[in-house]
């Protein structure tokens, strides 16, 4: 029997022999208690009466003759594509969208900006060391020894 908690909508599958009339059950998720009601069985529908046989004409009994049509054989690739499932076709040709022009320009701009920042950090290293003395250790670690600029 399938029961559903009216409080939290948790569903449970309980064997029919455990569900007796009027039994109180408790939800494992929310600890709500309720008495499940067995679903009403649908009424049995009467068997439909068979239709009376109709007299068959000769045209209905014998199928029309098949016409033979000459056609070119299908390409094996086309037949293979029809037989494969949709998941096989997706796995065979993963879609890889081409990046748009705007995305390429954004990447190029980011790279140019990064190179410009490195060039400025190299060119103004004396001023940077003057303003931020701990940066002298970073420059010396890179082999770019520089004396801080002195103000006159």
Foldseek 3Di string as FASTA:
>chain_A
DWDADPPPRDIDDDDPVVQDPPDWDADPPPRDIDRDDDDDDDDDDDDDDDDDDDDDDPPVVDDDDDDDDDDDDDDPVVVVVVPDDPVVVCVVDPDDDDDDPVVVVVVVVVVVVVVVVVVVCLVCVQQVCVVPVVCQVVCVVVVNHDHHDDDD
